[in-house]
Amino acid sequence: MTIPMLAGTPVAFAEQTPTESVKRTIDDVLQILNNEALKQPSRAGERRQTIEHVIRQRVSYEDMAKRALGDHWIELTDTERQEFIGLFVQLLRDMFSGRIDDYADEQVLYLSEQREENCAKVRTKLLGRKVDTLLDFRLADKSGQWSVYDVVLDGASIVSNYHAQFTSIIRDHAYAGLVQKIKEKTLVVKTFETATAP
């Protein structure tokens, strides 16, 4: 299935400000969430994949994984780094997959944009039916394209939270122990999804 809104080009991205980049990403995700056809239970997998496709274009998972792991990143081989990025993406996917629908009907206010050299912070506020949420996006300019490397939800940084957890686990179980724990968590989720799939 081809969705016209996904047909952006790197040139189009390069012309966008950090705020425009964030707005385009949020608009695209909300359009998918509010697509009546994709809301059908039988198309849940397709819907999730379409959202992931949008997010992968606008998020630097390598930067997020590198910052979350901290100094231990330097010690990894290229193969280990690629494996860790894949595991980290799985962690993020599992964390958001059950919550993304909660944002379908929320209104987004774009509050401010701050830039410092090749980095930027875009502050937004989600106005929900039950609660309002402050959401800050931290971005870096990657060859003319603004890519998200952290999201701060009501003052809590996703990258910082993972960094604290990873550091604690590595201190007690070494890097191999961290990888094993992430794999075990991922395998549990995958098994559950397989067992409950229609």
Protein backbone atom coordinates (compact mmCIF):
# COMPACT_ATOMS: atom_id res chain seq x y z
CA MET A 1 0.00 0.00 0.00
CA THR A 2 1.42 3.38 -0.94
CA ILE A 3 0.53 6.43 1.13
CA PRO A 4 1.26 9.75 -0.62
CA MET A 5 2.37 11.46 2.60
CA LEU A 6 5.33 9.07 2.85
CA ALA A 7 6.69 10.09 -0.53
CA GLY A 8 8.99 12.78 0.88
CA THR A 9 12.50 13.21 -0.45
CA PRO A 10 15.75 14.11 1.36
CA VAL A 11 15.68 17.44 -0.51
CA ALA A 12 12.25 18.25 0.95
CA PHE A 13 13.47 17.35 4.43
CA ALA A 14 16.58 19.50 4.05
CA GLU A 15 14.49 22.63 3.48
CA GLN A 16 12.57 22.19 6.72
CA THR A 17 13.22 23.91 10.05
CA PRO A 18 13.38 21.68 13.16
CA THR A 19 9.79 22.64 14.04
CA GLU A 20 8.58 21.89 10.51
CA SER A 21 10.32 18.51 10.64
CA VAL A 22 8.67 17.61 13.97
CA LYS A 23 5.28 18.89 12.77
CA ARG A 24 5.45 16.84 9.58
CA THR A 25 6.30 13.71 11.59
CA ILE A 26 3.46 14.25 14.09
CA ASP A 27 0.97 15.11 11.33
CA ASP A 28 1.92 11.96 9.40
CA VAL A 29 1.55 9.74 12.47
CA LEU A 30 -1.79 11.31 13.45
CA GLN A 31 -3.06 10.87 9.90
CA ILE A 32 -2.27 7.15 10.14
CA LEU A 33 -3.82 6.86 13.63
CA ASN A 34 -7.01 8.54 12.43
CA ASN A 35 -7.27 6.56 9.17
CA GLU A 36 -10.55 4.68 9.53
CA ALA A 37 -9.49 1.85 7.22
CA LEU A 38 -6.27 1.23 9.17
CA LYS A 39 -8.22 1.17 12.46
CA GLN A 40 -9.69 -2.21 11.49
CA PRO A 41 -8.31 -4.97 13.79
CA SER A 42 -7.29 -7.02 10.77
CA ARG A 43 -4.94 -4.23 9.66
CA ALA A 44 -3.26 -3.60 13.04
CA GLY A 45 0.09 -4.95 11.80
CA GLU A 46 0.00 -2.84 8.64
CA ARG A 47 -0.92 0.23 10.67
CA ARG A 48 2.00 -0.26 13.06
CA GLN A 49 4.45 -0.85 10.21
CA THR A 50 3.29 2.32 8.45
CA ILE A 51 3.85 4.35 11.62
CA GLU A 52 7.27 2.78 12.12
CA HIS A 53 8.19 3.65 8.53
CA VAL A 54 7.42 7.33 9.17
CA ILE A 55 9.34 7.39 12.44
CA ARG A 56 12.40 5.61 11.03
CA GLN A 57 12.76 8.38 8.44
CA ARG A 58 12.88 11.10 11.09
CA VAL A 59 14.64 9.50 14.09
CA SER A 60 18.36 8.75 14.42
CA TYR A 61 18.25 5.44 16.23
CA GLU A 62 22.04 5.21 16.12
CA ASP A 63 22.41 8.51 17.99
CA MET A 64 19.77 7.48 20.52
CA ALA A 65 21.42 4.11 21.15
CA LYS A 66 24.89 5.66 21.36
CA ARG A 67 23.78 8.29 23.89
CA ALA A 68 21.80 5.76 25.93
CA LEU A 69 24.78 3.39 26.18
CA GLY A 70 27.26 6.18 26.95
CA ASP A 71 30.99 5.48 27.25
CA HIS A 72 30.50 1.74 26.73
CA TRP A 73 29.68 2.45 23.07
CA ILE A 74 33.37 3.15 22.39
CA GLU A 75 34.31 -0.37 23.46
CA LEU A 76 31.98 -2.10 21.00
CA THR A 77 32.92 -3.49 17.60
CA ASP A 78 30.93 -2.36 14.54
CA THR A 79 29.03 -5.66 14.61
CA GLU A 80 28.16 -5.23 18.30
CA ARG A 81 27.02 -1.66 17.66
CA GLN A 82 24.65 -2.75 14.89
CA GLU A 83 23.26 -5.49 17.11
CA PHE A 84 22.73 -3.03 19.96
CA ILE A 85 20.96 -0.51 17.71
CA GLY A 86 18.59 -3.26 16.59
CA LEU A 87 17.88 -4.26 20.20
CA PHE A 88 17.38 -0.63 21.21
CA VAL A 89 14.89 -0.06 18.37
CA GLN A 90 12.99 -3.12 19.58
CA LEU A 91 12.90 -1.70 23.13
CA LEU A 92 11.49 1.60 21.88
CA ARG A 93 8.95 -0.12 19.68
CA ASP A 94 7.73 -2.28 22.54
CA MET A 95 7.49 0.74 24.85
CA PHE A 96 5.40 2.84 22.45
CA SER A 97 3.34 0.20 20.65
CA GLY A 98 0.77 -0.04 23.42
CA ARG A 99 0.56 3.71 24.01
CA ILE A 100 0.55 5.26 20.55
CA ASP A 101 -3.25 4.97 20.16
CA ASP A 102 -3.72 7.21 23.21
CA TYR A 103 -2.47 10.17 21.17
CA ALA A 104 -4.85 9.80 18.23
CA ASP A 105 -7.30 12.52 19.23
CA GLU A 106 -4.92 14.95 20.92
CA GLN A 107 -4.28 18.48 19.72
CA VAL A 108 -0.66 19.56 19.35
CA LEU A 109 0.61 23.04 20.22
CA TYR A 110 4.08 24.06 19.00
CA LEU A 111 5.47 26.25 21.77
CA SER A 112 9.05 27.14 20.85
CA GLU A 113 12.20 26.26 18.97
CA GLN A 114 15.75 26.72 20.22
CA ARG A 115 18.87 26.17 18.16
CA GLU A 116 22.50 25.85 19.17
CA GLU A 117 24.97 25.10 16.36
CA ASN A 118 23.75 21.89 14.70
CA CYS A 119 21.33 20.93 17.48
CA ALA A 120 17.79 22.08 18.23
CA LYS A 121 14.98 21.61 20.73
CA VAL A 122 11.34 21.84 19.72
CA ARG A 123 8.86 22.20 22.59
CA THR A 124 5.31 20.96 22.09
CA LYS A 125 2.25 20.40 24.24
CA LEU A 126 -0.30 17.66 23.65
CA LEU A 127 -3.79 18.67 24.73
CA GLY A 128 -5.65 15.49 25.63
CA ARG A 129 -9.11 14.67 26.88
CA LYS A 130 -7.80 13.63 30.31
CA VAL A 131 -4.36 15.19 30.69
CA ASP A 132 -2.01 17.59 28.91
CA THR A 133 1.52 16.42 28.14
CA LEU A 134 4.67 18.45 27.53
CA LEU A 135 6.77 16.86 24.82
CA ASP A 136 10.21 18.17 23.83
CA PHE A 137 12.03 16.86 20.78
CA ARG A 138 15.82 17.10 20.63
CA LEU A 139 17.18 17.07 17.10
CA ALA A 140 20.53 17.17 15.31
CA ASP A 141 21.24 18.38 11.78
CA LYS A 142 22.42 15.34 9.82
CA SER A 143 23.60 16.50 6.39
CA GLY A 144 20.77 19.01 6.11
CA GLN A 145 18.07 16.80 7.62
CA TRP A 146 16.84 17.31 11.18
CA SER A 147 16.75 13.96 13.00
CA VAL A 148 15.37 13.32 16.47
CA TYR A 149 17.86 11.87 18.95
CA ASP A 150 15.86 12.21 22.18
CA VAL A 151 12.31 12.85 23.37
CA VAL A 152 11.57 14.44 26.74
CA LEU A 153 8.13 13.52 28.10
CA ASP A 154 6.95 15.79 30.94
CA GLY A 155 10.57 16.50 31.87
CA ALA A 156 11.78 12.89 31.62
CA SER A 157 14.32 12.15 28.88
CA ILE A 158 13.92 8.76 27.20
CA VAL A 159 17.66 8.57 26.48
CA SER A 160 18.64 9.57 30.03
CA ASN A 161 16.24 7.04 31.56
CA TYR A 162 17.66 4.23 29.44
CA HIS A 163 21.23 5.41 30.13
CA ALA A 164 20.64 5.13 33.88
CA GLN A 165 19.17 1.63 33.51
CA PHE A 166 21.89 0.43 31.14
CA THR A 167 24.70 1.78 33.34
CA SER A 168 23.28 0.00 36.39
CA ILE A 169 22.89 -3.31 34.56
CA ILE A 170 26.39 -3.15 33.03
CA ARG A 171 27.88 -2.38 36.45
CA ASP A 172 26.27 -5.54 37.89
CA HIS A 173 26.26 -7.88 34.89
CA ALA A 174 28.72 -6.44 32.30
CA TYR A 175 27.71 -5.52 28.73
CA ALA A 176 26.91 -9.13 27.81
CA GLY A 177 24.42 -9.21 30.69
CA LEU A 178 22.70 -6.09 29.37
CA VAL A 179 22.36 -7.60 25.90
CA GLN A 180 20.95 -10.80 27.39
CA LYS A 181 18.39 -8.91 29.47
CA ILE A 182 17.24 -6.87 26.46
CA LYS A 183 16.96 -10.02 24.36
CA GLU A 184 14.92 -11.76 27.05
CA LYS A 185 12.51 -8.82 27.25
CA THR A 186 12.21 -8.74 23.44
CA LEU A 187 11.61 -12.47 23.19
CA VAL A 188 8.81 -12.28 25.79
CA VAL A 189 7.04 -9.57 23.78
CA LYS A 190 7.45 -11.41 20.48
CA THR A 191 6.15 -14.66 21.97
CA PHE A 192 3.13 -12.86 23.45
CA GLU A 193 2.38 -11.17 20.11
CA THR A 194 2.61 -14.48 18.28
CA ALA A 195 0.40 -16.26 20.80
CA THR A 196 -2.32 -13.60 20.67
CA ALA A 197 -2.25 -12.89 16.93
CA PRO A 198 -5.62 -13.53 15.21
